[in-house]
């Protein structure tokens, strides 16, 4: 498949663009808008955000699909499902 690793210097996370992109997305789209009340609360928020990020959120590199692909629904009534207390929404057809 032509996949190769990209070694980075130890203790230099800014050299890993993939990790920096993900951490930036988590901060911009989630943590900048929520007050975290403790470690367990943070874990629950991040778990919900990971489910949203992989199952609902569109990615430009995947032709506006989510990493966990889902079928296109062409007919039905639109419904909105709040994610992370309404910070994000999932729109589906019923």
PDB file of N, CA and C in Angstrom:
ATOM      1  N   UNK A   1       0.821  -1.194   0.000  1.00  0.00           N
ATOM      2  CA  UNK A   1       0.000   0.000   0.000  1.00  0.00           C
ATOM      3  C   UNK A   1       0.856   1.244   0.000  1.00  0.00           C
ATOM      4  N   UNK A   2       2.126   1.162   0.208  1.00  0.00           N
ATOM      5  CA  UNK A   2       2.994   2.331   0.190  1.00  0.00           C
ATOM      6  C   UNK A   2       2.934   3.159   1.458  1.00  0.00           C
ATOM      7  N   UNK A   3       2.490   2.587   2.557  1.00  0.00           N
ATOM      8  CA  UNK A   3       2.401   3.330   3.818  1.00  0.00           C
ATOM      9  C   UNK A   3       3.768   3.318   4.491  1.00  0.00           C
ATOM     10  N   UNK A   4       4.213   4.473   4.912  1.00  0.00           N
ATOM     11  CA  UNK A   4       5.499   4.595   5.592  1.00  0.00           C
ATOM     12  C   UNK A   4       5.308   5.403   6.870  1.00  0.00           C
ATOM     13  N   UNK A   5       6.122   5.102   7.872  1.00  0.00           N
ATOM     14  CA  UNK A   5       6.058   5.885   9.103  1.00  0.00           C
ATOM     15  C   UNK A   5       6.848   7.177   8.912  1.00  0.00           C
ATOM     16  N   UNK A   6       6.511   8.170   9.693  1.00  0.00           N
ATOM     17  CA  UNK A   6       7.203   9.456   9.670  1.00  0.00           C
ATOM     18  C   UNK A   6       7.757   9.700  11.067  1.00  0.00           C
ATOM     19  N   UNK A   7       9.032   9.341  11.302  1.00  0.00           N
ATOM     20  CA  UNK A   7       9.594   9.543  12.637  1.00  0.00           C
ATOM     21  C   UNK A   7       9.676  11.038  12.992  1.00  0.00           C
ATOM     22  N   UNK A   8       9.385  11.346  14.244  1.00  0.00           N
ATOM     23  CA  UNK A   8       9.503  12.717  14.724  1.00  0.00           C
ATOM     24  C   UNK A   8      10.455  12.727  15.912  1.00  0.00           C
ATOM     25  N   UNK A   9      10.939  13.905  16.234  1.00  0.00           N
ATOM     26  CA  UNK A   9      11.849  14.038  17.375  1.00  0.00           C
ATOM     27  C   UNK A   9      11.087  13.745  18.668  1.00  0.00           C
ATOM     28  N   UNK A  10      11.722  13.105  19.646  1.00  0.00           N
ATOM     29  CA  UNK A  10      11.053  12.843  20.926  1.00  0.00           C
ATOM     30  C   UNK A  10      10.619  14.144  21.606  1.00  0.00           C
ATOM     31  N   UNK A  11       9.466  14.107  22.230  1.00  0.00           N
ATOM     32  CA  UNK A  11       8.908  15.252  22.964  1.00  0.00           C
ATOM     33  C   UNK A  11       8.691  16.455  22.063  1.00  0.00           C
ATOM     34  N   UNK A  12       8.323  16.214  20.800  1.00  0.00           N
ATOM     35  CA  UNK A  12       8.066  17.291  19.842  1.00  0.00           C
ATOM     36  C   UNK A  12       6.723  17.061  19.149  1.00  0.00           C
ATOM     37  N   UNK A  13       5.610  17.185  19.862  1.00  0.00           N
ATOM     38  CA  UNK A  13       4.323  16.884  19.251  1.00  0.00           C
ATOM     39  C   UNK A  13       3.950  17.831  18.116  1.00  0.00           C
ATOM     40  N   UNK A  14       4.521  19.035  18.075  1.00  0.00           N
ATOM     41  CA  UNK A  14       4.183  19.977  17.012  1.00  0.00           C
ATOM     42  C   UNK A  14       4.699  19.496  15.663  1.00  0.00           C
ATOM     43  N   UNK A  15       5.553  18.498  15.646  1.00  0.00           N
ATOM     44  CA  UNK A  15       6.048  17.960  14.387  1.00  0.00           C
ATOM     45  C   UNK A  15       5.097  16.918  13.807  1.00  0.00           C
ATOM     46  N   UNK A  16       4.117  16.492  14.553  1.00  0.00           N
ATOM     47  CA  UNK A  16       3.155  15.508  14.075  1.00  0.00           C
ATOM     48  C   UNK A  16       1.887  16.246  13.660  1.00  0.00           C
ATOM     49  N   UNK A  17       1.780  16.549  12.376  1.00  0.00           N
ATOM     50  CA  UNK A  17       0.658  17.333  11.862  1.00  0.00           C
ATOM     51  C   UNK A  17      -0.682  16.658  12.049  1.00  0.00           C
ATOM     52  N   UNK A  18      -0.735  15.326  11.973  1.00  0.00           N
ATOM     53  CA  UNK A  18      -2.004  14.617  12.117  1.00  0.00           C
ATOM     54  C   UNK A  18      -2.549  14.762  13.538  1.00  0.00           C
ATOM     55  N   UNK A  19      -1.691  14.566  14.521  1.00  0.00           N
ATOM     56  CA  UNK A  19      -2.120  14.704  15.918  1.00  0.00           C
ATOM     57  C   UNK A  19      -2.496  16.152  16.218  1.00  0.00           C
ATOM     58  N   UNK A  20      -1.709  17.096  15.705  1.00  0.00           N
ATOM     59  CA  UNK A  20      -2.010  18.512  15.944  1.00  0.00           C
ATOM     60  C   UNK A  20      -3.348  18.897  15.336  1.00  0.00           C
ATOM     61  N   UNK A  21      -3.664  18.367  14.162  1.00  0.00           N
ATOM     62  CA  UNK A  21      -4.941  18.670  13.517  1.00  0.00           C
ATOM     63  C   UNK A  21      -6.096  18.147  14.357  1.00  0.00           C
ATOM     64  N   UNK A  22      -5.982  16.924  14.852  1.00  0.00           N
ATOM     65  CA  UNK A  22      -7.039  16.342  15.671  1.00  0.00           C
ATOM     66  C   UNK A  22      -7.196  17.093  16.988  1.00  0.00           C
ATOM     67  N   UNK A  23      -6.094  17.390  17.654  1.00  0.00           N
ATOM     68  CA  UNK A  23      -6.161  18.122  18.923  1.00  0.00           C
ATOM     69  C   UNK A  23      -6.769  19.499  18.708  1.00  0.00           C
ATOM     70  N   UNK A  24      -6.398  20.166  17.610  1.00  0.00           N
ATOM     71  CA  UNK A  24      -6.982  21.472  17.298  1.00  0.00           C
ATOM     72  C   UNK A  24      -8.476  21.378  17.064  1.00  0.00           C
ATOM     73  N   UNK A  25      -8.923  20.346  16.362  1.00  0.00           N
ATOM     74  CA  UNK A  25     -10.360  20.163  16.122  1.00  0.00           C
ATOM     75  C   UNK A  25     -11.104  19.937  17.431  1.00  0.00           C
ATOM     76  N   UNK A  26     -10.533  19.118  18.303  1.00  0.00           N
ATOM     77  CA  UNK A  26     -11.178  18.862  19.599  1.00  0.00           C
ATOM     78  C   UNK A  26     -11.298  20.156  20.390  1.00  0.00           C
ATOM     79  N   UNK A  27     -10.245  20.950  20.397  1.00  0.00           N
ATOM     80  CA  UNK A  27     -10.286  22.205  21.157  1.00  0.00           C
ATOM     81  C   UNK A  27     -11.263  23.199  20.537  1.00  0.00           C
ATOM     82  N   UNK A  28     -11.183  23.420  19.224  1.00  0.00           N
ATOM     83  CA  UNK A  28     -12.032  24.418  18.559  1.00  0.00           C
ATOM     84  C   UNK A  28     -13.502  24.036  18.563  1.00  0.00           C
ATOM     85  N   UNK A  29     -13.800  22.768  18.266  1.00  0.00           N
ATOM     86  CA  UNK A  29     -15.190  22.351  18.085  1.00  0.00           C
ATOM     87  C   UNK A  29     -15.865  21.870  19.354  1.00  0.00           C
ATOM     88  N   UNK A  30     -15.098  21.634  20.404  1.00  0.00           N
ATOM     89  CA  UNK A  30     -15.694  21.038  21.602  1.00  0.00           C
ATOM     90  C   UNK A  30     -15.300  21.781  22.874  1.00  0.00           C
ATOM     91  N   UNK A  31     -14.042  21.705  23.260  1.00  0.00           N
ATOM     92  CA  UNK A  31     -13.625  22.164  24.580  1.00  0.00           C
ATOM     93  C   UNK A  31     -13.646  23.674  24.758  1.00  0.00           C
ATOM     94  N   UNK A  32     -13.562  24.448  23.669  1.00  0.00           N
ATOM     95  CA  UNK A  32     -13.637  25.903  23.800  1.00  0.00           C
ATOM     96  C   UNK A  32     -15.048  26.374  24.152  1.00  0.00           C
ATOM     97  N   UNK A  33     -16.038  25.483  24.052  1.00  0.00           N
ATOM     98  CA  UNK A  33     -17.434  25.871  24.261  1.00  0.00           C
ATOM     99  C   UNK A  33     -18.080  25.213  25.472  1.00  0.00           C
ATOM    100  N   UNK A  34     -17.327  24.379  26.177  1.00  0.00           N
ATOM    101  CA  UNK A  34     -17.890  23.624  27.294  1.00  0.00           C
ATOM    102  C   UNK A  34     -17.025  23.838  28.541  1.00  0.00           C
ATOM    103  N   UNK A  35     -17.675  24.026  29.671  1.00  0.00           N
ATOM    104  CA  UNK A  35     -16.957  24.110  30.941  1.00  0.00           C
ATOM    105  C   UNK A  35     -16.852  22.694  31.494  1.00  0.00           C
ATOM    106  N   UNK A  36     -15.633  22.228  31.670  1.00  0.00           N
ATOM    107  CA  UNK A  36     -15.391  20.874  32.158  1.00  0.00           C
ATOM    108  C   UNK A  36     -15.409  20.894  33.681  1.00  0.00           C
ATOM    109  N   UNK A  37     -16.170  19.971  34.277  1.00  0.00           N
ATOM    110  CA  UNK A  37     -16.360  19.961  35.727  1.00  0.00           C
ATOM    111  C   UNK A  37     -15.543  18.903  36.453  1.00  0.00           C
ATOM    112  N   UNK A  38     -14.708  18.186  35.737  1.00  0.00           N
ATOM    113  CA  UNK A  38     -13.874  17.164  36.381  1.00  0.00           C
ATOM    114  C   UNK A  38     -13.378  16.161  35.359  1.00  0.00           C
ATOM    115  N   UNK A  39     -12.539  15.253  35.825  1.00  0.00           N
ATOM    116  CA  UNK A  39     -11.937  14.277  34.910  1.00  0.00           C
ATOM    117  C   UNK A  39     -12.988  13.359  34.291  1.00  0.00           C
ATOM    118  N   UNK A  40     -13.918  12.872  35.087  1.00  0.00           N
ATOM    119  CA  UNK A  40     -14.945  11.986  34.550  1.00  0.00           C
ATOM    120  C   UNK A  40     -15.817  12.710  33.537  1.00  0.00           C
ATOM    121  N   UNK A  41     -16.142  13.957  33.823  1.00  0.00           N
ATOM    122  CA  UNK A  41     -16.930  14.769  32.895  1.00  0.00           C
ATOM    123  C   UNK A  41     -16.162  14.964  31.589  1.00  0.00           C
ATOM    124  N   UNK A  42     -14.871  15.237  31.676  1.00  0.00           N
ATOM    125  CA  UNK A  42     -14.043  15.401  30.483  1.00  0.00           C
ATOM    126  C   UNK A  42     -14.006  14.114  29.668  1.00  0.00           C
ATOM    127  N   UNK A  43     -13.856  12.982  30.334  1.00  0.00           N
ATOM    128  CA  UNK A  43     -13.830  11.697  29.623  1.00  0.00           C
ATOM    129  C   UNK A  43     -15.149  11.449  28.886  1.00  0.00           C
ATOM    130  N   UNK A  44     -16.269  11.774  29.536  1.00  0.00           N
ATOM    131  CA  UNK A  44     -17.582  11.598  28.899  1.00  0.00           C
ATOM    132  C   UNK A  44     -17.736  12.521  27.695  1.00  0.00           C
ATOM    133  N   UNK A  45     -17.294  13.765  27.821  1.00  0.00           N
ATOM    134  CA  UNK A  45     -17.353  14.717  26.714  1.00  0.00           C
ATOM    135  C   UNK A  45     -16.512  14.217  25.545  1.00  0.00           C
ATOM    136  N   UNK A  46     -15.281  13.786  25.826  1.00  0.00           N
ATOM    137  CA  UNK A  46     -14.393  13.325  24.759  1.00  0.00           C
ATOM    138  C   UNK A  46     -14.909  12.043  24.114  1.00  0.00           C
ATOM    139  N   UNK A  47     -15.531  11.167  24.898  1.00  0.00           N
ATOM    140  CA  UNK A  47     -16.116   9.946  24.337  1.00  0.00           C
ATOM    141  C   UNK A  47     -17.255  10.298  23.386  1.00  0.00           C
ATOM    142  N   UNK A  48     -18.119  11.224  23.784  1.00  0.00           N
ATOM    143  CA  UNK A  48     -19.217  11.656  22.922  1.00  0.00           C
ATOM    144  C   UNK A  48     -18.701  12.383  21.688  1.00  0.00           C
ATOM    145  N   UNK A  49     -17.660  13.201  21.859  1.00  0.00           N
ATOM    146  CA  UNK A  49     -17.102  13.905  20.708  1.00  0.00           C
ATOM    147  C   UNK A  49     -16.455  12.924  19.733  1.00  0.00           C
ATOM    148  N   UNK A  50     -15.778  11.893  20.231  1.00  0.00           N
ATOM    149  CA  UNK A  50     -15.158  10.890  19.352  1.00  0.00           C
ATOM    150  C   UNK A  50     -16.228  10.160  18.544  1.00  0.00           C
ATOM    151  N   UNK A  51     -17.354   9.829  19.179  1.00  0.00           N
ATOM    152  CA  UNK A  51     -18.454   9.179  18.456  1.00  0.00           C
ATOM    153  C   UNK A  51     -19.001  10.116  17.379  1.00  0.00           C
ATOM    154  N   UNK A  52     -19.149  11.393  17.701  1.00  0.00           N
ATOM    155  CA  UNK A  52     -19.601  12.382  16.724  1.00  0.00           C
ATOM    156  C   UNK A  52     -18.584  12.538  15.596  1.00  0.00           C
ATOM    157  N   UNK A  53     -17.315  12.653  15.933  1.00  0.00           N
ATOM    158  CA  UNK A  53     -16.243  12.882  14.962  1.00  0.00           C
ATOM    159  C   UNK A  53     -16.137  11.729  13.971  1.00  0.00           C
ATOM    160  N   UNK A  54     -16.275  10.507  14.440  1.00  0.00           N
ATOM    161  CA  UNK A  54     -16.114   9.338  13.577  1.00  0.00           C
ATOM    162  C   UNK A  54     -17.400   8.879  12.904  1.00  0.00           C
ATOM    163  N   UNK A  55     -18.535   9.208  13.473  1.00  0.00           N
ATOM    164  CA  UNK A  55     -19.780   8.687  12.932  1.00  0.00           C
ATOM    165  C   UNK A  55     -20.681   9.687  12.247  1.00  0.00           C
ATOM    166  N   UNK A  56     -20.551  10.969  12.565  1.00  0.00           N
ATOM    167  CA  UNK A  56     -21.498  11.960  12.054  1.00  0.00           C
ATOM    168  C   UNK A  56     -20.799  13.073  11.282  1.00  0.00           C
ATOM    169  N   UNK A  57     -19.737  13.622  11.833  1.00  0.00           N
ATOM    170  CA  UNK A  57     -19.070  14.801  11.262  1.00  0.00           C
ATOM    171  C   UNK A  57     -18.496  14.481   9.881  1.00  0.00           C
ATOM    172  N   UNK A  58     -18.748  15.368   8.929  1.00  0.00           N
ATOM    173  CA  UNK A  58     -18.213  15.167   7.584  1.00  0.00           C
ATOM    174  C   UNK A  58     -16.754  15.590   7.530  1.00  0.00           C
ATOM    175  N   UNK A  59     -15.997  14.919   6.685  1.00  0.00           N
ATOM    176  CA  UNK A  59     -14.576  15.199   6.499  1.00  0.00           C
ATOM    177  C   UNK A  59     -14.335  15.488   5.021  1.00  0.00           C
ATOM    178  N   UNK A  60     -13.679  16.581   4.721  1.00  0.00           N
ATOM    179  CA  UNK A  60     -13.418  16.948   3.327  1.00  0.00           C
ATOM    180  C   UNK A  60     -12.544  15.925   2.629  1.00  0.00           C
ATOM    181  N   UNK A  61     -11.591  15.331   3.340  1.00  0.00           N
ATOM    182  CA  UNK A  61     -10.703  14.358   2.715  1.00  0.00           C
ATOM    183  C   UNK A  61     -11.430  13.066   2.357  1.00  0.00           C
ATOM    184  N   UNK A  62     -12.612  12.848   2.896  1.00  0.00           N
ATOM    185  CA  UNK A  62     -13.401  11.647   2.600  1.00  0.00           C
ATOM    186  C   UNK A  62     -14.598  11.976   1.717  1.00  0.00           C
ATOM    187  N   UNK A  63     -14.500  13.043   0.939  1.00  0.00           N
ATOM    188  CA  UNK A  63     -15.602  13.494   0.074  1.00  0.00           C
ATOM    189  C   UNK A  63     -16.878  13.755   0.862  1.00  0.00           C
ATOM    190  N   UNK A  64     -16.720  14.459   1.963  1.00  0.00           N
ATOM    191  CA  UNK A  64     -17.817  14.854   2.844  1.00  0.00           C
ATOM    192  C   UNK A  64     -18.576  13.660   3.417  1.00  0.00           C
ATOM    193  N   UNK A  65     -17.849  12.605   3.723  1.00  0.00           N
ATOM    194  CA  UNK A  65     -18.420  11.452   4.411  1.00  0.00           C
ATOM    195  C   UNK A  65     -17.735  11.347   5.768  1.00  0.00           C
ATOM    196  N   UNK A  66     -18.288  10.558   6.650  1.00  0.00           N
ATOM    197  CA  UNK A  66     -17.685  10.323   7.960  1.00  0.00           C
ATOM    198  C   UNK A  66     -16.774   9.097   7.872  1.00  0.00           C
ATOM    199  N   UNK A  67     -15.787   8.981   8.776  1.00  0.00           N
ATOM    200  CA  UNK A  67     -14.933   7.792   8.765  1.00  0.00           C
ATOM    201  C   UNK A  67     -15.714   6.490   8.872  1.00  0.00           C
ATOM    202  N   UNK A  68     -16.779   6.479   9.654  1.00  0.00           N
ATOM    203  CA  UNK A  68     -17.684   5.330   9.683  1.00  0.00           C
ATOM    204  C   UNK A  68     -18.816   5.676   8.716  1.00  0.00           C
ATOM    205  N   UNK A  69     -18.709   5.135   7.509  1.00  0.00           N
ATOM    206  CA  UNK A  69     -19.634   5.507   6.430  1.00  0.00           C
ATOM    207  C   UNK A  69     -21.071   5.125   6.774  1.00  0.00           C
ATOM    208  N   UNK A  70     -22.001   5.867   6.227  1.00  0.00           N
ATOM    209  CA  UNK A  70     -23.417   5.597   6.457  1.00  0.00           C
ATOM    210  C   UNK A  70     -24.154   5.758   5.127  1.00  0.00           C
ATOM    211  N   UNK A  71     -25.296   5.090   4.957  1.00  0.00           N
ATOM    212  CA  UNK A  71     -26.018   5.185   3.684  1.00  0.00           C
ATOM    213  C   UNK A  71     -26.686   6.553   3.524  1.00  0.00           C
ATOM    214  N   UNK A  72     -26.849   6.977   2.291  1.00  0.00           N
ATOM    215  CA  UNK A  72     -27.533   8.233   1.988  1.00  0.00           C
ATOM    216  C   UNK A  72     -29.031   7.984   2.058  1.00  0.00           C
ATOM    217  N   UNK A  73     -29.728   8.821   2.806  1.00  0.00           N
ATOM    218  CA  UNK A  73     -31.176   8.709   2.949  1.00  0.00           C
ATOM    219  C   UNK A  73     -31.807   9.804   2.102  1.00  0.00           C
ATOM    220  N   UNK A  74     -32.544   9.427   1.074  1.00  0.00           N
ATOM    221  CA  UNK A  74     -33.065  10.401   0.119  1.00  0.00           C
ATOM    222  C   UNK A  74     -34.518  10.796   0.368  1.00  0.00           C
ATOM    223  N   UNK A  75     -35.259  10.030   1.146  1.00  0.00           N
ATOM    224  CA  UNK A  75     -36.655  10.381   1.376  1.00  0.00           C
ATOM    225  C   UNK A  75     -36.990  10.246   2.859  1.00  0.00           C
ATOM    226  N   UNK A  76     -38.015  10.957   3.264  1.00  0.00           N
ATOM    227  CA  UNK A  76     -38.444  10.924   4.654  1.00  0.00           C
ATOM    228  C   UNK A  76     -38.460  12.318   5.255  1.00  0.00           C
ATOM    229  N   UNK A  77     -38.923  12.399   6.471  1.00  0.00           N
ATOM    230  CA  UNK A  77     -39.017  13.667   7.192  1.00  0.00           C
ATOM    231  C   UNK A  77     -37.699  13.912   7.912  1.00  0.00           C
ATOM    232  N   UNK A  78     -37.192  15.141   7.826  1.00  0.00           N
ATOM    233  CA  UNK A  78     -35.929  15.498   8.478  1.00  0.00           C
ATOM    234  C   UNK A  78     -36.129  15.613   9.989  1.00  0.00           C
ATOM    235  N   UNK A  79     -35.164  15.096  10.719  1.00  0.00           N
ATOM    236  CA  UNK A  79     -35.172  15.169  12.173  1.00  0.00           C
ATOM    237  C   UNK A  79     -33.790  15.586  12.647  1.00  0.00           C
ATOM    238  N   UNK A  80     -33.734  16.340  13.728  1.00  0.00           N
ATOM    239  CA  UNK A  80     -32.478  16.820  14.276  1.00  0.00           C
ATOM    240  C   UNK A  80     -32.223  16.153  15.626  1.00  0.00           C
ATOM    241  N   UNK A  81     -30.984  15.722  15.833  1.00  0.00           N
ATOM    242  CA  UNK A  81     -30.582  15.080  17.089  1.00  0.00           C
ATOM    243  C   UNK A  81     -29.428  15.891  17.673  1.00  0.00           C
ATOM    244  N   UNK A  82     -29.601  16.449  18.864  1.00  0.00           N
ATOM    245  CA  UNK A  82     -28.568  17.268  19.500  1.00  0.00           C
ATOM    246  C   UNK A  82     -27.435  16.386  20.023  1.00  0.00           C
ATOM    247  N   UNK A  83     -26.205  16.840  19.793  1.00  0.00           N
ATOM    248  CA  UNK A  83     -25.017  16.141  20.263  1.00  0.00           C
ATOM    249  C   UNK A  83     -24.237  17.096  21.150  1.00  0.00           C
ATOM    250  N   UNK A  84     -23.707  16.595  22.249  1.00  0.00           N
ATOM    251  CA  UNK A  84     -22.946  17.394  23.220  1.00  0.00           C
ATOM    252  C   UNK A  84     -23.770  18.574  23.723  1.00  0.00           C
ATOM    253  N   UNK A  85     -24.985  18.301  24.117  1.00  0.00           N
ATOM    254  CA  UNK A  85     -25.838  19.330  24.695  1.00  0.00           C
ATOM    255  C   UNK A  85     -26.276  20.394  23.714  1.00  0.00           C
ATOM    256  N   UNK A  86     -26.313  20.066  22.421  1.00  0.00           N
ATOM    257  CA  UNK A  86     -26.746  21.017  21.409  1.00  0.00           C
ATOM    258  C   UNK A  86     -25.604  21.765  20.746  1.00  0.00           C
ATOM    259  N   UNK A  87     -24.382  21.466  21.115  1.00  0.00           N
ATOM    260  CA  UNK A  87     -23.227  22.109  20.484  1.00  0.00           C
ATOM    261  C   UNK A  87     -23.141  21.730  19.008  1.00  0.00           C
ATOM    262  N   UNK A  88     -23.463  20.476  18.708  1.00  0.00           N
ATOM    263  CA  UNK A  88     -23.510  19.978  17.334  1.00  0.00           C
ATOM    264  C   UNK A  88     -24.839  19.264  17.138  1.00  0.00           C
ATOM    265  N   UNK A  89     -25.235  19.076  15.900  1.00  0.00           N
ATOM    266  CA  UNK A  89     -26.480  18.386  15.593  1.00  0.00           C
ATOM    267  C   UNK A  89     -26.256  17.346  14.508  1.00  0.00           C
ATOM    268  N   UNK A  90     -27.052  16.293  14.563  1.00  0.00           N
ATOM    269  CA  UNK A  90     -27.073  15.292  13.506  1.00  0.00           C
ATOM    270  C   UNK A  90     -28.453  15.360  12.870  1.00  0.00           C
ATOM    271  N   UNK A  91     -28.477  15.518  11.569  1.00  0.00           N
ATOM    272  CA  UNK A  91     -29.728  15.589  10.847  1.00  0.00           C
ATOM    273  C   UNK A  91     -29.927  14.273  10.100  1.00  0.00           C
ATOM    274  N   UNK A  92     -31.076  13.634  10.331  1.00  0.00           N
ATOM    275  CA  UNK A  92     -31.382  12.362   9.703  1.00  0.00           C
ATOM    276  C   UNK A  92     -32.814  12.412   9.155  1.00  0.00           C
ATOM    277  N   UNK A  93     -33.084  11.496   8.249  1.00  0.00           N
ATOM    278  CA  UNK A  93     -34.439  11.340   7.737  1.00  0.00           C
ATOM    279  C   UNK A  93     -35.072  10.125   8.390  1.00  0.00           C
ATOM    280  N   UNK A  94     -36.321  10.293   8.769  1.00  0.00           N
ATOM    281  CA  UNK A  94     -37.048   9.211   9.441  1.00  0.00           C
ATOM    282  C   UNK A  94     -38.016   8.586   8.454  1.00  0.00           C
TER     283      UNK A  94
END
